[in-house]
PDB file of all heavy atoms in Angstrom:
ATOM      1  N   HIS A   1       0.257  -1.909  10.601  1.00  0.00           N
ATOM      2  CA  HIS A   1       1.063  -1.088  11.514  1.00  0.00           C
ATOM      3  C   HIS A   1       1.601   0.170  10.830  1.00  0.00           C
ATOM      4  O   HIS A   1       2.744   0.580  11.050  1.00  0.00           O
ATOM      5  CB  HIS A   1       2.220  -1.897  12.113  1.00  0.00           C
ATOM      6  CG  HIS A   1       1.778  -3.068  12.918  1.00  0.00           C
ATOM      7  ND1 HIS A   1       1.337  -2.948  14.213  1.00  0.00           N
ATOM      8  CD2 HIS A   1       1.689  -4.387  12.602  1.00  0.00           C
ATOM      9  CE1 HIS A   1       0.999  -4.139  14.667  1.00  0.00           C
ATOM     10  NE2 HIS A   1       1.193  -5.030  13.708  1.00  0.00           N
ATOM     11  N   ILE A   2       0.765   0.794  10.005  1.00  0.00           N
ATOM     12  CA  ILE A   2       1.176   1.987   9.264  1.00  0.00           C
ATOM     13  C   ILE A   2       1.632   3.091  10.224  1.00  0.00           C
ATOM     14  O   ILE A   2       2.649   3.739   9.997  1.00  0.00           O
ATOM     15  CB  ILE A   2       0.037   2.507   8.361  1.00  0.00           C
ATOM     16  CG1 ILE A   2      -0.453   1.428   7.393  1.00  0.00           C
ATOM     17  CG2 ILE A   2       0.462   3.782   7.634  1.00  0.00           C
ATOM     18  CD1 ILE A   2       0.468   1.112   6.270  1.00  0.00           C
ATOM     19  N   ARG A   3       0.905   3.278  11.297  1.00  0.00           N
ATOM     20  CA  ARG A   3       1.257   4.330  12.269  1.00  0.00           C
ATOM     21  C   ARG A   3       2.644   4.070  12.852  1.00  0.00           C
ATOM     22  O   ARG A   3       3.461   4.990  12.964  1.00  0.00           O
ATOM     23  CB  ARG A   3       0.202   4.390  13.373  1.00  0.00           C
ATOM     24  CG  ARG A   3       0.417   5.496  14.382  1.00  0.00           C
ATOM     25  CD  ARG A   3      -0.770   5.659  15.333  1.00  0.00           C
ATOM     26  NE  ARG A   3      -1.764   6.543  14.721  1.00  0.00           N
ATOM     27  CZ  ARG A   3      -2.867   6.153  14.085  1.00  0.00           C
ATOM     28  NH1 ARG A   3      -3.154   4.879  13.962  1.00  0.00           N
ATOM     29  NH2 ARG A   3      -3.704   7.025  13.566  1.00  0.00           N
ATOM     30  N   ASP A   4       2.936   2.842  13.229  1.00  0.00           N
ATOM     31  CA  ASP A   4       4.252   2.499  13.778  1.00  0.00           C
ATOM     32  C   ASP A   4       5.354   2.720  12.748  1.00  0.00           C
ATOM     33  O   ASP A   4       6.420   3.245  13.062  1.00  0.00           O
ATOM     34  CB  ASP A   4       4.287   1.040  14.240  1.00  0.00           C
ATOM     35  CG  ASP A   4       3.352   0.774  15.401  1.00  0.00           C
ATOM     36  OD1 ASP A   4       3.222   1.640  16.292  1.00  0.00           O
ATOM     37  OD2 ASP A   4       2.745  -0.315  15.420  1.00  0.00           O
ATOM     38  N   ILE A   5       5.094   2.313  11.515  1.00  0.00           N
ATOM     39  CA  ILE A   5       6.088   2.446  10.451  1.00  0.00           C
ATOM     40  C   ILE A   5       6.353   3.917  10.151  1.00  0.00           C
ATOM     41  O   ILE A   5       7.513   4.342  10.083  1.00  0.00           O
ATOM     42  CB  ILE A   5       5.641   1.673   9.191  1.00  0.00           C
ATOM     43  CG1 ILE A   5       5.690   0.170   9.478  1.00  0.00           C
ATOM     44  CG2 ILE A   5       6.511   2.044   7.988  1.00  0.00           C
ATOM     45  CD1 ILE A   5       5.030  -0.694   8.428  1.00  0.00           C
ATOM     46  N   ILE A   6       5.302   4.712  10.004  1.00  0.00           N
ATOM     47  CA  ILE A   6       5.475   6.142   9.744  1.00  0.00           C
ATOM     48  C   ILE A   6       6.211   6.791  10.918  1.00  0.00           C
ATOM     49  O   ILE A   6       7.091   7.634  10.727  1.00  0.00           O
ATOM     50  CB  ILE A   6       4.120   6.843   9.496  1.00  0.00           C
ATOM     51  CG1 ILE A   6       3.450   6.290   8.235  1.00  0.00           C
ATOM     52  CG2 ILE A   6       4.278   8.358   9.434  1.00  0.00           C
ATOM     53  CD1 ILE A   6       4.152   6.594   6.938  1.00  0.00           C
ATOM     54  N   GLY A   7       5.885   6.378  12.129  1.00  0.00           N
ATOM     55  CA  GLY A   7       6.581   6.905  13.309  1.00  0.00           C
ATOM     56  C   GLY A   7       8.070   6.616  13.265  1.00  0.00           C
ATOM     57  O   GLY A   7       8.900   7.489  13.562  1.00  0.00           O
ATOM     58  N   GLN A   8       8.423   5.404  12.876  1.00  0.00           N
ATOM     59  CA  GLN A   8       9.840   5.054  12.774  1.00  0.00           C
ATOM     60  C   GLN A   8      10.534   5.817  11.642  1.00  0.00           C
ATOM     61  O   GLN A   8      11.693   6.217  11.767  1.00  0.00           O
ATOM     62  CB  GLN A   8      10.010   3.545  12.581  1.00  0.00           C
ATOM     63  CG  GLN A   8       9.731   2.750  13.825  1.00  0.00           C
ATOM     64  CD  GLN A   8      10.645   3.152  14.972  1.00  0.00           C
ATOM     65  OE1 GLN A   8      11.856   3.257  14.828  1.00  0.00           O
ATOM     66  NE2 GLN A   8      10.049   3.415  16.132  1.00  0.00           N
ATOM     67  N   LEU A   9       9.816   6.018  10.544  1.00  0.00           N
ATOM     68  CA  LEU A   9      10.393   6.778   9.429  1.00  0.00           C
ATOM     69  C   LEU A   9      10.657   8.222   9.843  1.00  0.00           C
ATOM     70  O   LEU A   9      11.710   8.789   9.530  1.00  0.00           O
ATOM     71  CB  LEU A   9       9.470   6.728   8.209  1.00  0.00           C
ATOM     72  CG  LEU A   9       9.299   5.354   7.564  1.00  0.00           C
ATOM     73  CD1 LEU A   9       8.313   5.435   6.407  1.00  0.00           C
ATOM     74  CD2 LEU A   9      10.635   4.781   7.113  1.00  0.00           C
ATOM     75  N   LYS A  10       9.709   8.820  10.559  1.00  0.00           N
ATOM     76  CA  LYS A  10       9.911  10.191  11.036  1.00  0.00           C
ATOM     77  C   LYS A  10      11.073  10.248  12.026  1.00  0.00           C
ATOM     78  O   LYS A  10      11.910  11.149  11.963  1.00  0.00           O
ATOM     79  CB  LYS A  10       8.633  10.732  11.669  1.00  0.00           C
ATOM     80  CG  LYS A  10       7.586  11.118  10.644  1.00  0.00           C
ATOM     81  CD  LYS A  10       6.358  11.702  11.274  1.00  0.00           C
ATOM     82  CE  LYS A  10       6.516  13.190  11.460  1.00  0.00           C
ATOM     83  NZ  LYS A  10       5.230  13.839  11.827  1.00  0.00           N
ATOM     84  N   LYS A  11      11.128   9.281  12.927  1.00  0.00           N
ATOM     85  CA  LYS A  11      12.187   9.235  13.935  1.00  0.00           C
ATOM     86  C   LYS A  11      13.570   9.122  13.285  1.00  0.00           C
ATOM     87  O   LYS A  11      14.531   9.738  13.754  1.00  0.00           O
ATOM     88  CB  LYS A  11      11.934   8.049  14.875  1.00  0.00           C
ATOM     89  CG  LYS A  11      12.877   7.941  16.025  1.00  0.00           C
ATOM     90  CD  LYS A  11      12.476   6.776  16.923  1.00  0.00           C
ATOM     91  CE  LYS A  11      13.435   6.603  18.066  1.00  0.00           C
ATOM     92  NZ  LYS A  11      13.043   5.465  18.916  1.00  0.00           N
ATOM     93  N   SER A  12      13.652   8.367  12.207  1.00  0.00           N
ATOM     94  CA  SER A  12      14.940   8.178  11.525  1.00  0.00           C
ATOM     95  C   SER A  12      15.206   9.261  10.477  1.00  0.00           C
ATOM     96  O   SER A  12      16.196   9.187   9.760  1.00  0.00           O
ATOM     97  CB  SER A  12      14.990   6.797  10.872  1.00  0.00           C
ATOM     98  OG  SER A  12      14.101   6.736   9.769  1.00  0.00           O
ATOM     99  N   GLN A  13      14.317  10.226  10.376  1.00  0.00           N
ATOM    100  CA  GLN A  13      14.426  11.336   9.419  1.00  0.00           C
ATOM    101  C   GLN A  13      14.493  10.826   7.971  1.00  0.00           C
ATOM    102  O   GLN A  13      15.265  11.316   7.154  1.00  0.00           O
ATOM    103  CB  GLN A  13      15.618  12.227   9.753  1.00  0.00           C
ATOM    104  CG  GLN A  13      15.479  12.866  11.117  1.00  0.00           C
ATOM    105  CD  GLN A  13      16.632  13.772  11.476  1.00  0.00           C
ATOM    106  OE1 GLN A  13      17.731  13.658  10.967  1.00  0.00           O
ATOM    107  NE2 GLN A  13      16.359  14.688  12.387  1.00  0.00           N
ATOM    108  N   TYR A  14      13.658   9.861   7.682  1.00  0.00           N
ATOM    109  CA  TYR A  14      13.538   9.298   6.331  1.00  0.00           C
ATOM    110  C   TYR A  14      13.265  10.415   5.332  1.00  0.00           C
ATOM    111  O   TYR A  14      12.403  11.261   5.557  1.00  0.00           O
ATOM    112  CB  TYR A  14      12.402   8.266   6.326  1.00  0.00           C
ATOM    113  CG  TYR A  14      12.050   7.709   4.969  1.00  0.00           C
ATOM    114  CD1 TYR A  14      12.903   6.830   4.324  1.00  0.00           C
ATOM    115  CD2 TYR A  14      10.858   8.051   4.345  1.00  0.00           C
ATOM    116  CE1 TYR A  14      12.584   6.298   3.084  1.00  0.00           C
ATOM    117  CE2 TYR A  14      10.523   7.528   3.106  1.00  0.00           C
ATOM    118  CZ  TYR A  14      11.389   6.650   2.485  1.00  0.00           C
ATOM    119  OH  TYR A  14      11.070   6.120   1.260  1.00  0.00           O
ATOM    120  N   GLU A  15      13.983  10.395   4.224  1.00  0.00           N
ATOM    121  CA  GLU A  15      13.818  11.415   3.194  1.00  0.00           C
ATOM    122  C   GLU A  15      13.442  10.827   1.842  1.00  0.00           C
ATOM    123  O   GLU A  15      13.599  11.479   0.815  1.00  0.00           O
ATOM    124  CB  GLU A  15      15.110  12.234   3.065  1.00  0.00           C
ATOM    125  CG  GLU A  15      15.410  13.054   4.292  1.00  0.00           C
ATOM    126  CD  GLU A  15      16.642  13.932   4.133  1.00  0.00           C
ATOM    127  OE1 GLU A  15      17.262  13.928   3.053  1.00  0.00           O
ATOM    128  OE2 GLU A  15      16.984  14.612   5.109  1.00  0.00           O
ATOM    129  N   GLY A  16      12.935   9.624   1.831  1.00  0.00           N
ATOM    130  CA  GLY A  16      12.554   8.984   0.581  1.00  0.00           C
ATOM    131  C   GLY A  16      11.107   9.234   0.215  1.00  0.00           C
ATOM    132  O   GLY A  16      10.495  10.206   0.651  1.00  0.00           O
ATOM    133  N   PHE A  17      10.563   8.331  -0.564  1.00  0.00           N
ATOM    134  CA  PHE A  17       9.221   8.482  -1.111  1.00  0.00           C
ATOM    135  C   PHE A  17       8.190   7.644  -0.371  1.00  0.00           C
ATOM    136  O   PHE A  17       8.486   6.545   0.096  1.00  0.00           O
ATOM    137  CB  PHE A  17       9.194   8.044  -2.578  1.00  0.00           C
ATOM    138  CG  PHE A  17       9.996   8.932  -3.478  1.00  0.00           C
ATOM    139  CD1 PHE A  17      11.306   8.609  -3.795  1.00  0.00           C
ATOM    140  CD2 PHE A  17       9.444  10.087  -3.995  1.00  0.00           C
ATOM    141  CE1 PHE A  17      12.050   9.426  -4.618  1.00  0.00           C
ATOM    142  CE2 PHE A  17      10.178  10.913  -4.817  1.00  0.00           C
ATOM    143  CZ  PHE A  17      11.493  10.582  -5.129  1.00  0.00           C
ATOM    144  N   LEU A  18       6.973   8.170  -0.325  1.00  0.00           N
ATOM    145  CA  LEU A  18       5.782   7.418   0.055  1.00  0.00           C
ATOM    146  C   LEU A  18       4.879   7.464  -1.161  1.00  0.00           C
ATOM    147  O   LEU A  18       4.618   8.524  -1.709  1.00  0.00           O
ATOM    148  CB  LEU A  18       5.047   8.065   1.230  1.00  0.00           C
ATOM    149  CG  LEU A  18       5.790   8.241   2.535  1.00  0.00           C
ATOM    150  CD1 LEU A  18       4.882   8.915   3.557  1.00  0.00           C
ATOM    151  CD2 LEU A  18       6.291   6.915   3.062  1.00  0.00           C
ATOM    152  N   SER A  19       4.420   6.325  -1.590  1.00  0.00           N
ATOM    153  CA  SER A  19       3.506   6.247  -2.724  1.00  0.00           C
ATOM    154  C   SER A  19       2.148   5.822  -2.192  1.00  0.00           C
ATOM    155  O   SER A  19       2.011   4.743  -1.623  1.00  0.00           O
ATOM    156  CB  SER A  19       4.028   5.214  -3.735  1.00  0.00           C
ATOM    157  OG  SER A  19       3.070   4.965  -4.726  1.00  0.00           O
ATOM    158  N   LEU A  20       1.165   6.652  -2.350  1.00  0.00           N
ATOM    159  CA  LEU A  20      -0.168   6.367  -1.835  1.00  0.00           C
ATOM    160  C   LEU A  20      -0.906   5.470  -2.811  1.00  0.00           C
ATOM    161  O   LEU A  20      -1.092   5.825  -3.977  1.00  0.00           O
ATOM    162  CB  LEU A  20      -0.928   7.679  -1.630  1.00  0.00           C
ATOM    163  CG  LEU A  20      -2.288   7.575  -0.970  1.00  0.00           C
ATOM    164  CD1 LEU A  20      -2.171   6.924   0.399  1.00  0.00           C
ATOM    165  CD2 LEU A  20      -2.889   8.963  -0.847  1.00  0.00           C
ATOM    166  N   GLU A  21      -1.324   4.318  -2.342  1.00  0.00           N
ATOM    167  CA  GLU A  21      -2.049   3.367  -3.178  1.00  0.00           C
ATOM    168  C   GLU A  21      -3.480   3.234  -2.661  1.00  0.00           C
ATOM    169  O   GLU A  21      -3.724   2.519  -1.704  1.00  0.00           O
ATOM    170  CB  GLU A  21      -1.350   2.009  -3.155  1.00  0.00           C
ATOM    171  CG  GLU A  21      -0.003   2.046  -3.814  1.00  0.00           C
ATOM    172  CD  GLU A  21       0.471   0.673  -4.209  1.00  0.00           C
ATOM    173  OE1 GLU A  21      -0.367  -0.221  -4.462  1.00  0.00           O
ATOM    174  OE2 GLU A  21       1.682   0.496  -4.273  1.00  0.00           O
ATOM    175  N   PRO A  22      -4.397   3.907  -3.293  1.00  0.00           N
ATOM    176  CA  PRO A  22      -5.777   3.928  -2.800  1.00  0.00           C
ATOM    177  C   PRO A  22      -6.636   2.792  -3.343  1.00  0.00           C
ATOM    178  O   PRO A  22      -7.702   3.014  -3.886  1.00  0.00           O
ATOM    179  CB  PRO A  22      -6.275   5.287  -3.299  1.00  0.00           C
ATOM    180  CG  PRO A  22      -5.578   5.443  -4.605  1.00  0.00           C
ATOM    181  CD  PRO A  22      -4.210   4.831  -4.409  1.00  0.00           C
ATOM    182  N   HIS A  23      -6.196   1.567  -3.210  1.00  0.00           N
ATOM    183  CA  HIS A  23      -6.959   0.423  -3.728  1.00  0.00           C
ATOM    184  C   HIS A  23      -8.080   0.072  -2.756  1.00  0.00           C
ATOM    185  O   HIS A  23      -8.110  -1.008  -2.194  1.00  0.00           O
ATOM    186  CB  HIS A  23      -6.043  -0.788  -3.903  1.00  0.00           C
ATOM    187  CG  HIS A  23      -4.901  -0.546  -4.834  1.00  0.00           C
ATOM    188  ND1 HIS A  23      -4.043  -1.531  -5.214  1.00  0.00           N
ATOM    189  CD2 HIS A  23      -4.471   0.549  -5.474  1.00  0.00           C
ATOM    190  CE1 HIS A  23      -3.143  -1.058  -6.029  1.00  0.00           C
ATOM    191  NE2 HIS A  23      -3.371   0.215  -6.195  1.00  0.00           N
ATOM    192  N   LEU A  24      -8.982   0.999  -2.568  1.00  0.00           N
ATOM    193  CA  LEU A  24     -10.062   0.791  -1.609  1.00  0.00           C
ATOM    194  C   LEU A  24     -11.352   0.338  -2.278  1.00  0.00           C
ATOM    195  O   LEU A  24     -12.404   0.318  -1.661  1.00  0.00           O
ATOM    196  CB  LEU A  24     -10.311   2.080  -0.814  1.00  0.00           C
ATOM    197  CG  LEU A  24      -9.106   2.590  -0.029  1.00  0.00           C
ATOM    198  CD1 LEU A  24      -9.455   3.910   0.655  1.00  0.00           C
ATOM    199  CD2 LEU A  24      -8.643   1.561   0.984  1.00  0.00           C
ATOM    200  N   GLY A  25     -11.292  -0.021  -3.519  1.00  0.00           N
ATOM    201  CA  GLY A  25     -12.442  -0.506  -4.259  1.00  0.00           C
ATOM    202  C   GLY A  25     -11.948  -1.242  -5.483  1.00  0.00           C
ATOM    203  O   GLY A  25     -10.754  -1.343  -5.730  1.00  0.00           O
ATOM    204  N   ASP A  26     -12.858  -1.746  -6.260  1.00  0.00           N
ATOM    205  CA  ASP A  26     -12.504  -2.488  -7.457  1.00  0.00           C
ATOM    206  C   ASP A  26     -11.996  -1.521  -8.525  1.00  0.00           C
ATOM    207  O   ASP A  26     -12.409  -0.381  -8.599  1.00  0.00           O
ATOM    208  CB  ASP A  26     -13.733  -3.240  -7.980  1.00  0.00           C
ATOM    209  CG  ASP A  26     -13.369  -4.340  -8.950  1.00  0.00           C
ATOM    210  OD1 ASP A  26     -12.170  -4.602  -9.140  1.00  0.00           O
ATOM    211  OD2 ASP A  26     -14.294  -4.923  -9.529  1.00  0.00           O
ATOM    212  N   PHE A  27     -11.068  -1.980  -9.338  1.00  0.00           N
ATOM    213  CA  PHE A  27     -10.563  -1.167 -10.430  1.00  0.00           C
ATOM    214  C   PHE A  27     -10.204  -2.072 -11.607  1.00  0.00           C
ATOM    215  O   PHE A  27      -9.971  -3.269 -11.434  1.00  0.00           O
ATOM    216  CB  PHE A  27      -9.353  -0.329 -10.012  1.00  0.00           C
ATOM    217  CG  PHE A  27      -8.185  -1.144  -9.512  1.00  0.00           C
ATOM    218  CD1 PHE A  27      -7.194  -1.569 -10.386  1.00  0.00           C
ATOM    219  CD2 PHE A  27      -8.082  -1.485  -8.177  1.00  0.00           C
ATOM    220  CE1 PHE A  27      -6.113  -2.322  -9.927  1.00  0.00           C
ATOM    221  CE2 PHE A  27      -7.010  -2.236  -7.711  1.00  0.00           C
ATOM    222  CZ  PHE A  27      -6.028  -2.653  -8.588  1.00  0.00           C
ATOM    223  N   VAL A  28     -10.177  -1.489 -12.789  1.00  0.00           N
ATOM    224  CA  VAL A  28      -9.850  -2.249 -13.991  1.00  0.00           C
ATOM    225  C   VAL A  28      -8.457  -2.833 -13.838  1.00  0.00           C
ATOM    226  O   VAL A  28      -7.509  -2.139 -13.503  1.00  0.00           O
ATOM    227  CB  VAL A  28      -9.912  -1.336 -15.240  1.00  0.00           C
ATOM    228  CG1 VAL A  28      -9.424  -2.081 -16.464  1.00  0.00           C
ATOM    229  CG2 VAL A  28     -11.326  -0.825 -15.447  1.00  0.00           C
ATOM    230  N   GLY A  29      -8.329  -4.124 -14.048  1.00  0.00           N
ATOM    231  CA  GLY A  29      -7.045  -4.797 -13.950  1.00  0.00           C
ATOM    232  C   GLY A  29      -6.800  -5.478 -12.617  1.00  0.00           C
ATOM    233  O   GLY A  29      -5.852  -6.227 -12.468  1.00  0.00           O
ATOM    234  N   PHE A  30      -7.672  -5.239 -11.619  1.00  0.00           N
ATOM    235  CA  PHE A  30      -7.461  -5.838 -10.304  1.00  0.00           C
ATOM    236  C   PHE A  30      -7.430  -7.360 -10.383  1.00  0.00           C
ATOM    237  O   PHE A  30      -6.572  -7.997  -9.796  1.00  0.00           O
ATOM    238  CB  PHE A  30      -8.528  -5.372  -9.315  1.00  0.00           C
ATOM    239  CG  PHE A  30      -8.325  -5.908  -7.924  1.00  0.00           C
ATOM    240  CD1 PHE A  30      -7.277  -5.456  -7.153  1.00  0.00           C
ATOM    241  CD2 PHE A  30      -9.173  -6.866  -7.404  1.00  0.00           C
ATOM    242  CE1 PHE A  30      -7.069  -5.951  -5.879  1.00  0.00           C
ATOM    243  CE2 PHE A  30      -8.983  -7.361  -6.127  1.00  0.00           C
ATOM    244  CZ  PHE A  30      -7.925  -6.905  -5.362  1.00  0.00           C
ATOM    245  N   SER A  31      -8.352  -7.939 -11.128  1.00  0.00           N
ATOM    246  CA  SER A  31      -8.401  -9.406 -11.214  1.00  0.00           C
ATOM    247  C   SER A  31      -7.138  -9.969 -11.832  1.00  0.00           C
ATOM    248  O   SER A  31      -6.714 -11.074 -11.502  1.00  0.00           O
ATOM    249  CB  SER A  31      -9.636  -9.864 -12.000  1.00  0.00           C
ATOM    250  OG  SER A  31      -9.588  -9.359 -13.319  1.00  0.00           O
ATOM    251  N   ASP A  32      -6.485  -9.202 -12.724  1.00  0.00           N
ATOM    252  CA  ASP A  32      -5.232  -9.665 -13.322  1.00  0.00           C
ATOM    253  C   ASP A  32      -4.098  -9.712 -12.304  1.00  0.00           C
ATOM    254  O   ASP A  32      -3.154 -10.493 -12.448  1.00  0.00           O
ATOM    255  CB  ASP A  32      -4.820  -8.756 -14.481  1.00  0.00           C
ATOM    256  CG  ASP A  32      -5.787  -8.853 -15.647  1.00  0.00           C
ATOM    257  OD1 ASP A  32      -6.501  -9.881 -15.756  1.00  0.00           O
ATOM    258  OD2 ASP A  32      -5.842  -7.891 -16.432  1.00  0.00           O
ATOM    259  N   LEU A  33      -4.172  -8.867 -11.270  1.00  0.00           N
ATOM    260  CA  LEU A  33      -3.140  -8.846 -10.242  1.00  0.00           C
ATOM    261  C   LEU A  33      -3.275 -10.009  -9.274  1.00  0.00           C
ATOM    262  O   LEU A  33      -2.306 -10.403  -8.631  1.00  0.00           O
ATOM    263  CB  LEU A  33      -3.201  -7.532  -9.454  1.00  0.00           C
ATOM    264  CG  LEU A  33      -2.894  -6.268 -10.234  1.00  0.00           C
ATOM    265  CD1 LEU A  33      -3.124  -5.043  -9.346  1.00  0.00           C
ATOM    266  CD2 LEU A  33      -1.476  -6.287 -10.762  1.00  0.00           C
ATOM    267  N   GLU A  34      -4.464 -10.528  -9.133  1.00  0.00           N
ATOM    268  CA  GLU A  34      -4.737 -11.614  -8.202  1.00  0.00           C
ATOM    269  C   GLU A  34      -4.686 -12.942  -8.954  1.00  0.00           C
ATOM    270  O   GLU A  34      -5.706 -13.432  -9.427  1.00  0.00           O
ATOM    271  CB  GLU A  34      -6.102 -11.420  -7.528  1.00  0.00           C
ATOM    272  CG  GLU A  34      -6.213 -10.135  -6.749  1.00  0.00           C
ATOM    273  CD  GLU A  34      -5.234 -10.062  -5.586  1.00  0.00           C
ATOM    274  OE1 GLU A  34      -5.075 -11.063  -4.860  1.00  0.00           O
ATOM    275  OE2 GLU A  34      -4.626  -9.002  -5.408  1.00  0.00           O
ATOM    276  N   GLY A  35      -3.522 -13.519  -9.045  1.00  0.00           N
ATOM    277  CA  GLY A  35      -3.306 -14.719  -9.841  1.00  0.00           C
ATOM    278  C   GLY A  35      -4.128 -15.923  -9.431  1.00  0.00           C
ATOM    279  O   GLY A  35      -4.472 -16.756 -10.246  1.00  0.00           O
ATOM    280  N   ASP A  36      -4.466 -16.022  -8.152  1.00  0.00           N
ATOM    281  CA  ASP A  36      -5.203 -17.201  -7.695  1.00  0.00           C
ATOM    282  C   ASP A  36      -6.711 -17.050  -7.832  1.00  0.00           C
ATOM    283  O   ASP A  36      -7.460 -17.965  -7.510  1.00  0.00           O
ATOM    284  CB  ASP A  36      -4.842 -17.527  -6.244  1.00  0.00           C
ATOM    285  CG  ASP A  36      -5.200 -16.414  -5.274  1.00  0.00           C
ATOM    286  OD1 ASP A  36      -5.775 -15.395  -5.696  1.00  0.00           O
ATOM    287  OD2 ASP A  36      -4.901 -16.581  -4.078  1.00  0.00           O
ATOM    288  N   GLY A  37      -7.158 -15.891  -8.283  1.00  0.00           N
ATOM    289  CA  GLY A  37      -8.590 -15.679  -8.476  1.00  0.00           C
ATOM    290  C   GLY A  37      -9.350 -15.408  -7.192  1.00  0.00           C
ATOM    291  O   GLY A  37     -10.554 -15.253  -7.207  1.00  0.00           O
ATOM    292  N   ASP A  38      -8.647 -15.346  -6.052  1.00  0.00           N
ATOM    293  CA  ASP A  38      -9.290 -15.107  -4.767  1.00  0.00           C
ATOM    294  C   ASP A  38      -9.422 -13.603  -4.551  1.00  0.00           C
ATOM    295  O   ASP A  38      -8.623 -12.973  -3.889  1.00  0.00           O
ATOM    296  CB  ASP A  38      -8.480 -15.742  -3.642  1.00  0.00           C
ATOM    297  CG  ASP A  38      -9.193 -15.678  -2.306  1.00  0.00           C
ATOM    298  OD1 ASP A  38     -10.417 -15.488  -2.288  1.00  0.00           O
ATOM    299  OD2 ASP A  38      -8.508 -15.828  -1.273  1.00  0.00           O
ATOM    300  N   ILE A  39     -10.446 -13.012  -5.137  1.00  0.00           N
ATOM    301  CA  ILE A  39     -10.637 -11.571  -5.125  1.00  0.00           C
ATOM    302  C   ILE A  39     -11.767 -11.215  -4.165  1.00  0.00           C
ATOM    303  O   ILE A  39     -12.856 -11.764  -4.261  1.00  0.00           O
ATOM    304  CB  ILE A  39     -10.987 -11.050  -6.534  1.00  0.00           C
ATOM    305  CG1 ILE A  39      -9.885 -11.451  -7.506  1.00  0.00           C
ATOM    306  CG2 ILE A  39     -11.209  -9.555  -6.528  1.00  0.00           C
ATOM    307  CD1 ILE A  39     -10.266 -11.237  -8.945  1.00  0.00           C
ATOM    308  N   PRO A  40     -11.502 -10.279  -3.233  1.00  0.00           N
ATOM    309  CA  PRO A  40     -12.592  -9.861  -2.349  1.00  0.00           C
ATOM    310  C   PRO A  40     -13.693  -9.178  -3.142  1.00  0.00           C
ATOM    311  O   PRO A  40     -13.440  -8.555  -4.168  1.00  0.00           O
ATOM    312  CB  PRO A  40     -11.919  -8.868  -1.394  1.00  0.00           C
ATOM    313  CG  PRO A  40     -10.616  -8.525  -1.990  1.00  0.00           C
ATOM    314  CD  PRO A  40     -10.265  -9.577  -2.990  1.00  0.00           C
TER     315      PRO A  40
END
């Protein structure tokens, strides 16, 4: 629901940070983040 969330942030005049996380593919260290080993 990114669109809904961004809409609410704009409506409330949010002035904080958005951090873009482009984890759209495999990257070094990804398997370490997935503790259960269930990696797509």
